[in-house]
């Protein structure tokens, strides 16, 4: 082959390589957009599997709930996490998309609520839900804990316990357990039940009979 022919051949090969790299790069961008767009899922720590949750649930004691003496202030919450940020601020940063943090840890961005499928662009429209409510924890054994232990529970970022969701949906939930309330989005029920059981198991909290029955039904369908 002539010198000119070699140059043409090499140029064609380089062109194909450039197209392949470009296609790969474009594909990566498309995949990344699934996780960074306005409908990105909240970054709740991944709960245990359904099979593990079923084994945890079987190990939980079944007790009658007792709310005597409960006060939300007995669970110090939204504790400082440093750099002017509290626990709420950290969850907003973790669960949001296109997050910016301003002076005093003012958090802006967007939040997709897995409870109801709504997206919000104002942090004021978002609540940080204690997946296992503080009152429910009290009913289930936390009434005997120290204040520092209750503070740890109310600010636990390592368990699947805190999640940014639509404020009025969280307010509708209130202190109800899965026998009384589940997120409007049925596609999140399995994750919710797995997370609920994991938190109760790791904190050695009890369940009541109706709660256990509801959780058993959900987990058996996962």
N, C-alpha and C. Protein backbone atom coordinates (compact mmCIF):
# COMPACT_ATOMS: atom_id res chain seq x y z
N UNK A 1 0.86 -1.20 0.00
CA UNK A 1 0.00 0.00 0.00
C UNK A 1 0.89 1.24 0.00
N UNK A 2 0.48 2.26 -0.72
CA UNK A 2 1.26 3.49 -0.80
C UNK A 2 1.20 4.23 0.51
N UNK A 3 2.12 5.20 0.67
CA UNK A 3 2.12 6.04 1.87
C UNK A 3 0.80 6.76 2.02
N UNK A 4 0.29 7.28 0.93
CA UNK A 4 -1.00 8.00 0.98
C UNK A 4 -2.12 7.06 1.41
N UNK A 5 -2.05 5.81 0.91
CA UNK A 5 -3.07 4.84 1.28
C UNK A 5 -3.03 4.52 2.75
N UNK A 6 -1.80 4.39 3.32
CA UNK A 6 -1.66 4.13 4.75
C UNK A 6 -2.25 5.26 5.59
N UNK A 7 -2.01 6.46 5.17
CA UNK A 7 -2.53 7.63 5.91
C UNK A 7 -4.04 7.61 5.92
N UNK A 8 -4.64 7.33 4.76
CA UNK A 8 -6.10 7.29 4.66
C UNK A 8 -6.66 6.19 5.56
N UNK A 9 -6.03 5.01 5.54
CA UNK A 9 -6.50 3.88 6.35
C UNK A 9 -6.44 4.20 7.83
N UNK A 10 -5.27 4.79 8.26
CA UNK A 10 -5.14 5.14 9.68
C UNK A 10 -6.17 6.18 10.08
N UNK A 11 -6.42 7.12 9.21
CA UNK A 11 -7.40 8.17 9.52
C UNK A 11 -8.78 7.56 9.71
N UNK A 12 -9.13 6.58 8.88
CA UNK A 12 -10.44 5.93 9.00
C UNK A 12 -10.55 5.18 10.33
N UNK A 13 -9.44 4.50 10.74
CA UNK A 13 -9.44 3.78 12.02
C UNK A 13 -9.61 4.75 13.18
N UNK A 14 -8.83 5.87 13.15
CA UNK A 14 -8.94 6.86 14.23
C UNK A 14 -10.34 7.43 14.31
N UNK A 15 -10.95 7.64 13.16
CA UNK A 15 -12.32 8.20 13.14
C UNK A 15 -13.29 7.24 13.80
N UNK A 16 -13.14 5.93 13.51
CA UNK A 16 -14.02 4.94 14.13
C UNK A 16 -13.81 4.90 15.64
N UNK A 17 -12.55 4.99 16.06
CA UNK A 17 -12.26 5.00 17.50
C UNK A 17 -12.89 6.21 18.18
N UNK A 18 -12.79 7.36 17.54
CA UNK A 18 -13.38 8.57 18.13
C UNK A 18 -14.88 8.43 18.26
N UNK A 19 -15.52 7.86 17.26
CA UNK A 19 -16.97 7.67 17.31
C UNK A 19 -17.35 6.70 18.43
N UNK A 20 -16.56 5.64 18.60
CA UNK A 20 -16.85 4.67 19.66
C UNK A 20 -16.73 5.31 21.03
N UNK A 21 -15.65 6.10 21.23
CA UNK A 21 -15.46 6.78 22.51
C UNK A 21 -16.59 7.77 22.77
N UNK A 22 -16.98 8.50 21.74
CA UNK A 22 -18.06 9.47 21.87
C UNK A 22 -19.36 8.77 22.25
N UNK A 23 -19.64 7.62 21.62
CA UNK A 23 -20.86 6.88 21.92
C UNK A 23 -20.85 6.40 23.37
N UNK A 24 -19.69 5.90 23.82
CA UNK A 24 -19.58 5.44 25.20
C UNK A 24 -19.78 6.58 26.17
N UNK A 25 -19.14 7.73 25.89
CA UNK A 25 -19.26 8.89 26.76
C UNK A 25 -20.70 9.37 26.84
N UNK A 26 -21.37 9.42 25.68
CA UNK A 26 -22.76 9.86 25.64
C UNK A 26 -23.65 8.91 26.44
N UNK A 27 -23.36 7.60 26.32
CA UNK A 27 -24.13 6.62 27.07
C UNK A 27 -23.96 6.80 28.56
N UNK A 28 -22.73 7.09 29.00
CA UNK A 28 -22.49 7.32 30.42
C UNK A 28 -23.24 8.53 30.93
N UNK A 29 -23.28 9.59 30.12
CA UNK A 29 -24.02 10.78 30.52
C UNK A 29 -25.49 10.45 30.67
N UNK A 30 -26.04 9.67 29.71
CA UNK A 30 -27.45 9.32 29.78
C UNK A 30 -27.76 8.51 31.01
N UNK A 31 -26.86 7.54 31.34
CA UNK A 31 -27.07 6.74 32.54
C UNK A 31 -26.99 7.60 33.78
N UNK A 32 -25.99 8.50 33.83
CA UNK A 32 -25.83 9.35 35.01
C UNK A 32 -27.04 10.22 35.23
N UNK A 33 -27.69 10.67 34.14
CA UNK A 33 -28.83 11.57 34.28
C UNK A 33 -29.99 10.90 35.00
N UNK A 34 -30.04 9.55 34.95
CA UNK A 34 -31.11 8.86 35.65
C UNK A 34 -31.00 9.05 37.15
N UNK A 35 -29.79 9.32 37.63
CA UNK A 35 -29.57 9.42 39.07
C UNK A 35 -29.40 10.85 39.55
N UNK A 36 -29.30 11.79 38.65
CA UNK A 36 -29.06 13.16 39.08
C UNK A 36 -30.15 14.11 38.66
N UNK A 37 -31.15 13.62 37.93
CA UNK A 37 -32.24 14.48 37.48
C UNK A 37 -33.17 14.83 38.61
N UNK A 38 -34.19 15.65 38.34
CA UNK A 38 -35.09 16.11 39.39
C UNK A 38 -35.90 14.99 40.02
N UNK A 39 -36.01 13.84 39.37
CA UNK A 39 -36.77 12.74 39.94
C UNK A 39 -35.87 11.67 40.53
N UNK A 40 -34.63 12.03 40.86
CA UNK A 40 -33.73 11.06 41.49
C UNK A 40 -34.34 10.57 42.80
N UNK A 41 -34.14 9.28 43.10
CA UNK A 41 -34.69 8.70 44.31
C UNK A 41 -33.97 9.26 45.53
N UNK A 42 -34.71 9.38 46.63
CA UNK A 42 -34.09 9.81 47.87
C UNK A 42 -33.01 8.81 48.27
N UNK A 43 -31.96 9.30 48.89
CA UNK A 43 -30.80 8.46 49.19
C UNK A 43 -30.90 7.82 50.57
N UNK A 44 -32.06 7.26 50.87
CA UNK A 44 -32.23 6.52 52.11
C UNK A 44 -31.22 5.38 52.15
N UNK A 45 -30.48 5.22 53.26
CA UNK A 45 -29.56 4.08 53.33
C UNK A 45 -30.30 2.78 53.00
N UNK A 46 -29.74 1.97 52.12
CA UNK A 46 -30.42 0.77 51.65
C UNK A 46 -30.74 -0.17 52.81
N UNK A 47 -32.02 -0.51 52.97
CA UNK A 47 -32.37 -1.42 54.07
C UNK A 47 -32.01 -2.86 53.74
N UNK A 48 -32.15 -3.72 54.74
CA UNK A 48 -31.87 -5.14 54.55
C UNK A 48 -32.83 -5.73 53.53
N UNK A 49 -32.50 -6.90 53.02
CA UNK A 49 -33.36 -7.58 52.05
C UNK A 49 -34.67 -8.01 52.69
N UNK A 50 -35.64 -8.36 51.86
CA UNK A 50 -36.93 -8.81 52.38
C UNK A 50 -36.78 -10.08 53.22
N UNK A 51 -35.92 -11.00 52.78
CA UNK A 51 -35.75 -12.24 53.54
C UNK A 51 -35.12 -11.96 54.90
N UNK A 52 -34.15 -11.06 54.93
CA UNK A 52 -33.54 -10.69 56.22
C UNK A 52 -34.55 -9.96 57.09
N UNK A 53 -35.34 -9.09 56.48
CA UNK A 53 -36.37 -8.37 57.25
C UNK A 53 -37.37 -9.35 57.84
N UNK A 54 -37.72 -10.38 57.09
CA UNK A 54 -38.67 -11.38 57.63
C UNK A 54 -38.07 -12.10 58.84
N UNK A 55 -36.77 -12.39 58.78
CA UNK A 55 -36.14 -13.05 59.92
C UNK A 55 -36.03 -12.10 61.11
N UNK A 56 -35.75 -10.84 60.83
CA UNK A 56 -35.71 -9.84 61.91
C UNK A 56 -37.08 -9.70 62.57
N UNK A 57 -38.12 -9.64 61.73
CA UNK A 57 -39.47 -9.46 62.26
C UNK A 57 -39.86 -10.63 63.16
N UNK A 58 -39.48 -11.82 62.76
CA UNK A 58 -39.80 -13.00 63.57
C UNK A 58 -39.12 -12.94 64.94
N UNK A 59 -38.00 -12.22 65.02
CA UNK A 59 -37.23 -12.15 66.27
C UNK A 59 -37.73 -11.03 67.20
N UNK A 60 -38.54 -10.11 66.68
CA UNK A 60 -39.00 -9.00 67.50
C UNK A 60 -40.06 -9.46 68.50
N UNK A 61 -39.99 -8.93 69.71
CA UNK A 61 -41.01 -9.26 70.70
C UNK A 61 -42.31 -8.54 70.37
N UNK A 62 -43.41 -9.18 70.67
CA UNK A 62 -44.74 -8.60 70.42
C UNK A 62 -45.28 -8.12 71.76
N UNK A 63 -45.49 -6.82 71.84
CA UNK A 63 -45.92 -6.20 73.09
C UNK A 63 -47.06 -5.22 72.84
N UNK A 64 -47.86 -4.97 73.86
CA UNK A 64 -48.88 -3.93 73.80
C UNK A 64 -48.19 -2.59 73.96
N UNK A 65 -48.54 -1.63 73.11
CA UNK A 65 -47.88 -0.33 73.17
C UNK A 65 -48.36 0.50 74.36
N UNK A 66 -47.43 1.33 74.85
CA UNK A 66 -47.76 2.19 76.00
C UNK A 66 -47.12 3.55 75.80
N UNK A 67 -47.95 4.58 75.61
CA UNK A 67 -47.44 5.93 75.34
C UNK A 67 -47.38 6.81 76.59
N UNK A 68 -47.61 6.24 77.73
CA UNK A 68 -47.59 7.01 78.97
C UNK A 68 -46.27 7.76 79.13
N UNK A 69 -46.38 9.08 79.37
CA UNK A 69 -45.20 9.90 79.63
C UNK A 69 -44.49 10.42 78.39
N UNK A 70 -44.99 10.11 77.19
CA UNK A 70 -44.30 10.55 75.98
C UNK A 70 -44.35 12.06 75.80
N UNK A 71 -43.21 12.61 75.38
CA UNK A 71 -43.10 14.01 74.97
C UNK A 71 -42.03 14.05 73.88
N UNK A 72 -42.35 14.69 72.77
CA UNK A 72 -41.39 14.74 71.66
C UNK A 72 -40.06 15.35 72.08
N UNK A 73 -40.10 16.28 73.03
CA UNK A 73 -38.87 16.93 73.48
C UNK A 73 -37.94 15.97 74.23
N UNK A 74 -38.43 14.79 74.58
CA UNK A 74 -37.58 13.79 75.21
C UNK A 74 -36.64 13.14 74.20
N UNK A 75 -36.84 13.43 72.91
CA UNK A 75 -35.97 12.97 71.84
C UNK A 75 -35.31 14.20 71.19
N UNK A 76 -34.22 14.72 71.75
CA UNK A 76 -33.58 15.88 71.12
C UNK A 76 -33.26 15.58 69.65
N UNK A 77 -33.82 16.39 68.76
CA UNK A 77 -33.64 16.10 67.35
C UNK A 77 -33.11 17.31 66.61
N UNK A 78 -32.63 17.05 65.40
CA UNK A 78 -31.96 18.03 64.56
C UNK A 78 -30.74 18.60 65.30
N UNK A 79 -29.96 17.69 65.82
CA UNK A 79 -28.74 18.06 66.53
C UNK A 79 -27.69 18.58 65.55
N UNK A 80 -26.74 19.36 66.09
CA UNK A 80 -25.68 19.93 65.26
C UNK A 80 -24.81 18.82 64.66
N UNK A 81 -24.49 18.99 63.36
CA UNK A 81 -23.60 18.07 62.66
C UNK A 81 -22.32 18.78 62.21
N UNK A 82 -22.11 20.01 62.71
CA UNK A 82 -20.92 20.77 62.37
C UNK A 82 -21.12 21.66 61.16
N UNK A 83 -20.27 22.67 61.02
CA UNK A 83 -20.31 23.62 59.90
C UNK A 83 -21.67 24.30 59.78
N UNK A 84 -22.29 24.63 60.90
CA UNK A 84 -23.58 25.31 60.96
C UNK A 84 -24.74 24.44 60.49
N UNK A 85 -24.51 23.16 60.22
CA UNK A 85 -25.55 22.26 59.73
C UNK A 85 -26.08 21.38 60.87
N UNK A 86 -27.40 21.15 60.84
CA UNK A 86 -27.98 20.19 61.76
C UNK A 86 -28.40 18.94 60.99
N UNK A 87 -29.01 18.00 61.67
CA UNK A 87 -29.35 16.73 61.02
C UNK A 87 -30.31 16.92 59.86
N UNK A 88 -31.28 17.81 60.02
CA UNK A 88 -32.21 18.08 58.92
C UNK A 88 -31.45 18.56 57.69
N UNK A 89 -30.52 19.47 57.88
CA UNK A 89 -29.74 20.01 56.75
C UNK A 89 -28.98 18.89 56.04
N UNK A 90 -28.42 17.97 56.80
CA UNK A 90 -27.63 16.89 56.21
C UNK A 90 -28.52 15.98 55.36
N UNK A 91 -29.72 15.68 55.86
CA UNK A 91 -30.62 14.81 55.08
C UNK A 91 -31.10 15.54 53.83
N UNK A 92 -31.36 16.84 53.92
CA UNK A 92 -31.73 17.60 52.73
C UNK A 92 -30.62 17.54 51.68
N UNK A 93 -29.38 17.65 52.12
CA UNK A 93 -28.26 17.56 51.19
C UNK A 93 -28.15 16.16 50.59
N UNK A 94 -28.31 15.16 51.42
CA UNK A 94 -28.16 13.77 50.97
C UNK A 94 -29.26 13.35 49.99
N UNK A 95 -30.48 13.77 50.25
CA UNK A 95 -31.63 13.28 49.48
C UNK A 95 -31.99 14.16 48.29
N UNK A 96 -31.35 15.31 48.14
CA UNK A 96 -31.73 16.23 47.07
C UNK A 96 -30.91 16.09 45.81
N UNK A 97 -31.34 16.83 44.78
CA UNK A 97 -30.62 16.93 43.52
C UNK A 97 -30.23 18.38 43.28
N UNK A 98 -29.12 18.58 42.58
CA UNK A 98 -28.65 19.94 42.27
C UNK A 98 -28.55 20.80 43.53
N UNK A 99 -27.97 20.21 44.56
CA UNK A 99 -27.91 20.84 45.88
C UNK A 99 -26.84 21.92 45.93
N UNK A 100 -27.20 23.05 46.54
CA UNK A 100 -26.24 24.10 46.88
C UNK A 100 -26.43 24.45 48.35
N UNK A 101 -25.32 24.70 49.03
CA UNK A 101 -25.36 25.01 50.46
C UNK A 101 -24.80 26.41 50.65
N UNK A 102 -25.63 27.30 51.18
CA UNK A 102 -25.23 28.67 51.38
C UNK A 102 -24.84 28.97 52.81
N UNK A 103 -24.77 30.24 53.11
CA UNK A 103 -24.39 30.70 54.44
C UNK A 103 -25.35 30.14 55.49
N UNK A 104 -24.78 29.72 56.62
CA UNK A 104 -25.60 29.17 57.69
C UNK A 104 -26.19 27.82 57.35
N UNK A 105 -25.63 27.14 56.36
CA UNK A 105 -26.09 25.83 55.89
C UNK A 105 -27.49 25.89 55.29
N UNK A 106 -27.81 27.01 54.63
CA UNK A 106 -29.08 27.11 53.90
C UNK A 106 -29.00 26.22 52.67
N UNK A 107 -29.89 25.23 52.58
CA UNK A 107 -29.83 24.22 51.53
C UNK A 107 -30.88 24.52 50.46
N UNK A 108 -30.44 24.58 49.20
CA UNK A 108 -31.37 24.75 48.09
C UNK A 108 -31.13 23.62 47.09
N UNK A 109 -32.16 23.33 46.30
CA UNK A 109 -32.09 22.27 45.31
C UNK A 109 -33.48 21.77 44.99
N UNK A 110 -33.60 20.48 44.69
CA UNK A 110 -34.90 19.87 44.47
C UNK A 110 -34.94 18.52 45.17
N UNK A 111 -36.16 18.09 45.53
CA UNK A 111 -36.32 16.85 46.29
C UNK A 111 -37.47 16.04 45.72
N UNK A 112 -37.19 14.78 45.43
CA UNK A 112 -38.21 13.85 44.96
C UNK A 112 -38.67 13.01 46.14
N UNK A 113 -39.95 13.07 46.45
CA UNK A 113 -40.52 12.35 47.58
C UNK A 113 -40.96 10.95 47.15
N UNK A 114 -40.29 9.93 47.64
CA UNK A 114 -40.63 8.56 47.28
C UNK A 114 -41.97 8.13 47.90
N UNK A 115 -42.46 8.86 48.88
CA UNK A 115 -43.74 8.51 49.49
C UNK A 115 -44.91 8.74 48.54
N UNK A 116 -44.81 9.82 47.72
CA UNK A 116 -45.96 10.17 46.87
C UNK A 116 -45.59 10.54 45.44
N UNK A 117 -44.31 10.51 45.10
CA UNK A 117 -43.89 10.79 43.73
C UNK A 117 -43.85 12.25 43.36
N UNK A 118 -43.92 13.15 44.33
CA UNK A 118 -43.89 14.59 44.05
C UNK A 118 -42.46 15.11 44.11
N UNK A 119 -42.19 16.15 43.32
CA UNK A 119 -40.89 16.81 43.34
C UNK A 119 -41.08 18.23 43.84
N UNK A 120 -40.20 18.66 44.74
CA UNK A 120 -40.30 19.98 45.36
C UNK A 120 -39.00 20.75 45.13
N UNK A 121 -39.14 22.07 45.00
CA UNK A 121 -37.99 22.94 44.72
C UNK A 121 -37.75 23.94 45.85
N UNK A 122 -38.48 23.81 46.93
CA UNK A 122 -38.33 24.66 48.10
C UNK A 122 -38.21 23.74 49.31
N UNK A 123 -37.12 23.87 50.06
CA UNK A 123 -36.92 23.01 51.22
C UNK A 123 -38.04 23.14 52.24
N UNK A 124 -38.75 24.26 52.21
CA UNK A 124 -39.86 24.46 53.12
C UNK A 124 -41.03 23.53 52.84
N UNK A 125 -41.07 22.93 51.66
CA UNK A 125 -42.13 21.99 51.31
C UNK A 125 -41.77 20.56 51.66
N UNK A 126 -40.61 20.38 52.28
CA UNK A 126 -40.09 19.05 52.57
C UNK A 126 -39.94 18.86 54.08
N UNK A 127 -40.43 17.73 54.56
CA UNK A 127 -40.20 17.31 55.94
C UNK A 127 -39.15 16.21 55.95
N UNK A 128 -38.43 16.10 57.06
CA UNK A 128 -37.56 14.95 57.28
C UNK A 128 -38.34 13.99 58.18
N UNK A 129 -38.78 12.89 57.58
CA UNK A 129 -39.57 11.92 58.33
C UNK A 129 -38.68 11.00 59.14
N UNK A 130 -39.06 10.79 60.42
CA UNK A 130 -38.51 9.67 61.18
C UNK A 130 -39.34 8.47 60.76
N UNK A 131 -38.76 7.59 59.96
CA UNK A 131 -39.53 6.49 59.39
C UNK A 131 -40.24 5.70 60.50
N UNK A 132 -39.52 5.32 61.53
CA UNK A 132 -40.17 4.86 62.76
C UNK A 132 -40.35 6.09 63.63
N UNK A 133 -41.59 6.58 63.78
CA UNK A 133 -41.81 7.84 64.50
C UNK A 133 -41.29 7.79 65.93
N UNK A 134 -40.98 8.97 66.44
CA UNK A 134 -40.45 9.06 67.80
C UNK A 134 -41.45 8.51 68.82
N UNK A 135 -42.73 8.85 68.66
CA UNK A 135 -43.74 8.34 69.58
C UNK A 135 -43.85 6.82 69.50
N UNK A 136 -43.75 6.29 68.28
CA UNK A 136 -43.79 4.83 68.09
C UNK A 136 -42.59 4.17 68.78
N UNK A 137 -41.43 4.81 68.69
CA UNK A 137 -40.26 4.27 69.38
C UNK A 137 -40.48 4.27 70.89
N UNK A 138 -41.06 5.35 71.40
CA UNK A 138 -41.36 5.43 72.83
C UNK A 138 -42.28 4.29 73.24
N UNK A 139 -43.35 4.10 72.46
CA UNK A 139 -44.31 3.03 72.74
C UNK A 139 -43.64 1.66 72.76
N UNK A 140 -42.58 1.51 71.99
CA UNK A 140 -41.99 0.19 71.73
C UNK A 140 -40.76 -0.11 72.57
N UNK A 141 -40.42 0.79 73.50
CA UNK A 141 -39.29 0.51 74.38
C UNK A 141 -38.37 1.67 74.65
N UNK A 142 -38.44 2.74 73.85
CA UNK A 142 -37.51 3.86 74.03
C UNK A 142 -37.82 4.68 75.27
N UNK A 143 -38.97 4.46 75.87
CA UNK A 143 -39.29 5.18 77.10
C UNK A 143 -38.33 4.87 78.22
N UNK A 144 -37.65 3.74 78.14
CA UNK A 144 -36.70 3.37 79.19
C UNK A 144 -35.27 3.78 78.86
N UNK A 145 -35.06 4.41 77.71
CA UNK A 145 -33.71 4.81 77.31
C UNK A 145 -33.28 6.09 78.00
N UNK A 146 -31.98 6.35 77.97
CA UNK A 146 -31.44 7.64 78.42
C UNK A 146 -31.74 8.70 77.37
N UNK A 147 -31.64 9.95 77.77
CA UNK A 147 -31.86 11.05 76.82
C UNK A 147 -30.85 11.00 75.68
N UNK A 148 -29.60 10.66 75.98
CA UNK A 148 -28.59 10.61 74.93
C UNK A 148 -28.89 9.49 73.94
N UNK A 149 -29.43 8.38 74.42
CA UNK A 149 -29.80 7.28 73.51
C UNK A 149 -30.96 7.71 72.62
N UNK A 150 -31.92 8.43 73.18
CA UNK A 150 -33.04 8.91 72.37
C UNK A 150 -32.58 9.95 71.36
N UNK A 151 -31.61 10.78 71.74
CA UNK A 151 -31.05 11.74 70.79
C UNK A 151 -30.37 11.02 69.63
N UNK A 152 -29.65 9.96 69.94
CA UNK A 152 -28.99 9.18 68.89
C UNK A 152 -30.01 8.60 67.92
N UNK A 153 -31.11 8.11 68.43
CA UNK A 153 -32.16 7.55 67.58
C UNK A 153 -32.78 8.63 66.69
N UNK A 154 -33.04 9.79 67.27
CA UNK A 154 -33.71 10.87 66.55
C UNK A 154 -32.84 11.51 65.47
N UNK A 155 -31.54 11.24 65.51
CA UNK A 155 -30.60 11.86 64.56
C UNK A 155 -29.77 10.82 63.82
N UNK A 156 -30.26 9.58 63.75
CA UNK A 156 -29.47 8.48 63.20
C UNK A 156 -29.42 8.56 61.67
N UNK A 157 -28.23 8.87 61.16
CA UNK A 157 -28.02 8.97 59.71
C UNK A 157 -27.50 7.67 59.11
N UNK A 158 -27.20 6.69 59.94
CA UNK A 158 -26.64 5.43 59.43
C UNK A 158 -27.70 4.39 59.12
N UNK A 159 -28.81 4.44 59.84
CA UNK A 159 -29.92 3.51 59.60
C UNK A 159 -30.87 4.10 58.55
N UNK A 160 -31.73 3.27 57.93
CA UNK A 160 -32.74 3.80 57.01
C UNK A 160 -33.91 4.38 57.78
N UNK A 161 -33.65 5.46 58.52
CA UNK A 161 -34.59 6.00 59.48
C UNK A 161 -35.02 7.43 59.15
N UNK A 162 -34.18 8.20 58.47
CA UNK A 162 -34.50 9.59 58.15
C UNK A 162 -34.58 9.77 56.65
N UNK A 163 -35.65 10.43 56.16
CA UNK A 163 -35.85 10.57 54.73
C UNK A 163 -36.63 11.85 54.44
N UNK A 164 -36.22 12.55 53.39
CA UNK A 164 -36.88 13.80 52.98
C UNK A 164 -38.10 13.46 52.12
N UNK A 165 -39.27 13.93 52.56
CA UNK A 165 -40.52 13.63 51.87
C UNK A 165 -41.44 14.85 51.87
N UNK A 166 -42.51 14.78 51.10
CA UNK A 166 -43.51 15.85 51.05
C UNK A 166 -44.05 16.13 52.45
N UNK A 167 -44.07 17.41 52.84
CA UNK A 167 -44.42 17.75 54.21
C UNK A 167 -45.82 17.30 54.62
N UNK A 168 -46.84 17.56 53.78
CA UNK A 168 -48.19 17.22 54.21
C UNK A 168 -48.43 15.71 54.23
N UNK A 169 -47.67 14.94 53.43
CA UNK A 169 -47.77 13.49 53.49
C UNK A 169 -47.19 12.99 54.80
N UNK A 170 -46.07 13.56 55.22
CA UNK A 170 -45.48 13.20 56.49
C UNK A 170 -46.41 13.56 57.65
N UNK A 171 -47.06 14.70 57.54
CA UNK A 171 -47.99 15.12 58.59
C UNK A 171 -49.21 14.22 58.64
N UNK A 172 -49.63 13.73 57.47
CA UNK A 172 -50.73 12.76 57.41
C UNK A 172 -50.35 11.46 58.10
N UNK A 173 -49.11 11.05 57.93
CA UNK A 173 -48.62 9.84 58.58
C UNK A 173 -48.64 9.99 60.09
N UNK A 174 -48.14 11.13 60.59
CA UNK A 174 -48.09 11.35 62.02
C UNK A 174 -47.29 10.28 62.73
N UNK A 175 -47.89 9.69 63.76
CA UNK A 175 -47.21 8.67 64.57
C UNK A 175 -47.68 7.25 64.24
N UNK A 176 -48.33 7.07 63.10
CA UNK A 176 -48.96 5.79 62.78
C UNK A 176 -47.93 4.73 62.33
N UNK A 177 -48.24 3.49 62.66
CA UNK A 177 -47.37 2.39 62.24
C UNK A 177 -47.94 1.77 60.95
N UNK A 178 -47.26 0.77 60.36
CA UNK A 178 -47.71 0.23 59.07
C UNK A 178 -49.07 -0.44 59.08
N UNK A 179 -49.61 -0.76 60.24
CA UNK A 179 -50.97 -1.30 60.28
C UNK A 179 -52.00 -0.19 60.06
N UNK A 180 -51.56 1.05 60.26
CA UNK A 180 -52.47 2.20 60.18
C UNK A 180 -52.21 3.10 58.99
N UNK A 181 -50.96 3.09 58.49
CA UNK A 181 -50.59 3.99 57.39
C UNK A 181 -49.41 3.42 56.62
N UNK A 182 -49.50 3.56 55.30
CA UNK A 182 -48.38 3.25 54.42
C UNK A 182 -48.26 4.38 53.40
N UNK A 183 -47.07 4.60 52.82
CA UNK A 183 -46.91 5.67 51.83
C UNK A 183 -47.90 5.51 50.68
N UNK A 184 -48.43 6.63 50.14
CA UNK A 184 -49.35 6.56 49.01
C UNK A 184 -48.80 5.80 47.81
N UNK A 185 -47.49 5.89 47.55
CA UNK A 185 -46.88 5.19 46.42
C UNK A 185 -46.65 3.72 46.81
N UNK A 186 -47.48 2.84 46.27
CA UNK A 186 -47.39 1.43 46.64
C UNK A 186 -46.06 0.81 46.25
N UNK A 187 -45.40 1.36 45.23
CA UNK A 187 -44.11 0.83 44.81
C UNK A 187 -43.02 0.98 45.85
N UNK A 188 -43.27 1.80 46.87
CA UNK A 188 -42.27 2.00 47.92
C UNK A 188 -42.58 1.17 49.17
N UNK A 189 -43.68 0.43 49.15
CA UNK A 189 -44.10 -0.28 50.36
C UNK A 189 -43.07 -1.32 50.82
N UNK A 190 -42.48 -2.04 49.88
CA UNK A 190 -41.52 -3.08 50.27
C UNK A 190 -40.30 -2.45 50.95
N UNK A 191 -39.76 -1.39 50.37
CA UNK A 191 -38.60 -0.71 50.96
C UNK A 191 -38.96 -0.16 52.34
N UNK A 192 -40.15 0.42 52.43
CA UNK A 192 -40.60 1.02 53.69
C UNK A 192 -40.68 -0.05 54.79
N UNK A 193 -41.28 -1.19 54.47
CA UNK A 193 -41.42 -2.26 55.47
C UNK A 193 -40.05 -2.82 55.86
N UNK A 194 -39.17 -3.00 54.88
CA UNK A 194 -37.83 -3.51 55.18
C UNK A 194 -37.08 -2.54 56.09
N UNK A 195 -37.20 -1.24 55.80
CA UNK A 195 -36.52 -0.23 56.61
C UNK A 195 -37.10 -0.19 58.02
N UNK A 196 -38.42 -0.24 58.11
CA UNK A 196 -39.10 -0.19 59.41
C UNK A 196 -38.61 -1.32 60.31
N UNK A 197 -38.61 -2.54 59.76
CA UNK A 197 -38.20 -3.70 60.55
C UNK A 197 -36.72 -3.61 60.93
N UNK A 198 -35.89 -3.15 60.01
CA UNK A 198 -34.46 -3.03 60.32
C UNK A 198 -34.23 -2.08 61.48
N UNK A 199 -34.89 -0.94 61.46
CA UNK A 199 -34.71 0.04 62.54
C UNK A 199 -35.19 -0.55 63.87
N UNK A 200 -36.36 -1.17 63.85
CA UNK A 200 -36.88 -1.74 65.10
C UNK A 200 -35.95 -2.84 65.63
N UNK A 201 -35.44 -3.65 64.72
CA UNK A 201 -34.56 -4.75 65.14
C UNK A 201 -33.25 -4.21 65.72
N UNK A 202 -32.65 -3.25 65.04
CA UNK A 202 -31.36 -2.73 65.49
C UNK A 202 -31.46 -1.95 66.79
N UNK A 203 -32.65 -1.43 67.08
CA UNK A 203 -32.83 -0.71 68.35
C UNK A 203 -33.57 -1.54 69.40
N UNK A 204 -33.78 -2.83 69.10
CA UNK A 204 -34.42 -3.75 70.03
C UNK A 204 -35.78 -3.22 70.50
N UNK A 205 -36.55 -2.74 69.53
CA UNK A 205 -37.89 -2.24 69.81
C UNK A 205 -38.92 -3.33 69.52
N UNK A 206 -40.02 -3.30 70.22
CA UNK A 206 -41.07 -4.30 70.04
C UNK A 206 -42.03 -3.89 68.92
N UNK A 207 -42.91 -4.81 68.57
CA UNK A 207 -44.02 -4.52 67.66
C UNK A 207 -45.30 -4.95 68.34
N UNK A 208 -46.43 -4.33 67.94
CA UNK A 208 -47.70 -4.84 68.44
C UNK A 208 -48.24 -5.86 67.43
N UNK A 209 -49.30 -6.56 67.76
CA UNK A 209 -49.76 -7.66 66.93
C UNK A 209 -50.27 -7.20 65.57
N UNK A 210 -51.00 -6.08 65.52
CA UNK A 210 -51.51 -5.57 64.24
C UNK A 210 -50.36 -5.11 63.35
N UNK A 211 -49.38 -4.46 63.95
CA UNK A 211 -48.19 -3.99 63.22
C UNK A 211 -47.43 -5.17 62.62
N UNK A 212 -47.24 -6.22 63.40
CA UNK A 212 -46.51 -7.40 62.90
C UNK A 212 -47.27 -8.05 61.76
N UNK A 213 -48.59 -8.15 61.90
CA UNK A 213 -49.40 -8.76 60.85
C UNK A 213 -49.29 -7.98 59.53
N UNK A 214 -49.37 -6.65 59.63
CA UNK A 214 -49.27 -5.81 58.43
C UNK A 214 -47.89 -5.94 57.79
N UNK A 215 -46.84 -5.92 58.59
CA UNK A 215 -45.49 -6.04 58.06
C UNK A 215 -45.25 -7.41 57.43
N UNK A 216 -45.79 -8.44 58.05
CA UNK A 216 -45.66 -9.80 57.50
C UNK A 216 -46.28 -9.88 56.12
N UNK A 217 -47.48 -9.29 55.99
CA UNK A 217 -48.18 -9.31 54.71
C UNK A 217 -47.39 -8.58 53.62
N UNK A 218 -46.85 -7.42 53.96
CA UNK A 218 -46.09 -6.64 52.98
C UNK A 218 -44.81 -7.37 52.58
N UNK A 219 -44.07 -7.87 53.56
CA UNK A 219 -42.79 -8.52 53.28
C UNK A 219 -42.97 -9.82 52.50
N UNK A 220 -44.06 -10.51 52.72
CA UNK A 220 -44.32 -11.74 51.97
C UNK A 220 -44.59 -11.45 50.51
N UNK A 221 -44.95 -10.21 50.20
CA UNK A 221 -45.20 -9.83 48.82
C UNK A 221 -44.01 -9.18 48.14
N UNK A 222 -42.89 -9.05 48.86
CA UNK A 222 -41.71 -8.40 48.31
C UNK A 222 -40.95 -9.33 47.36
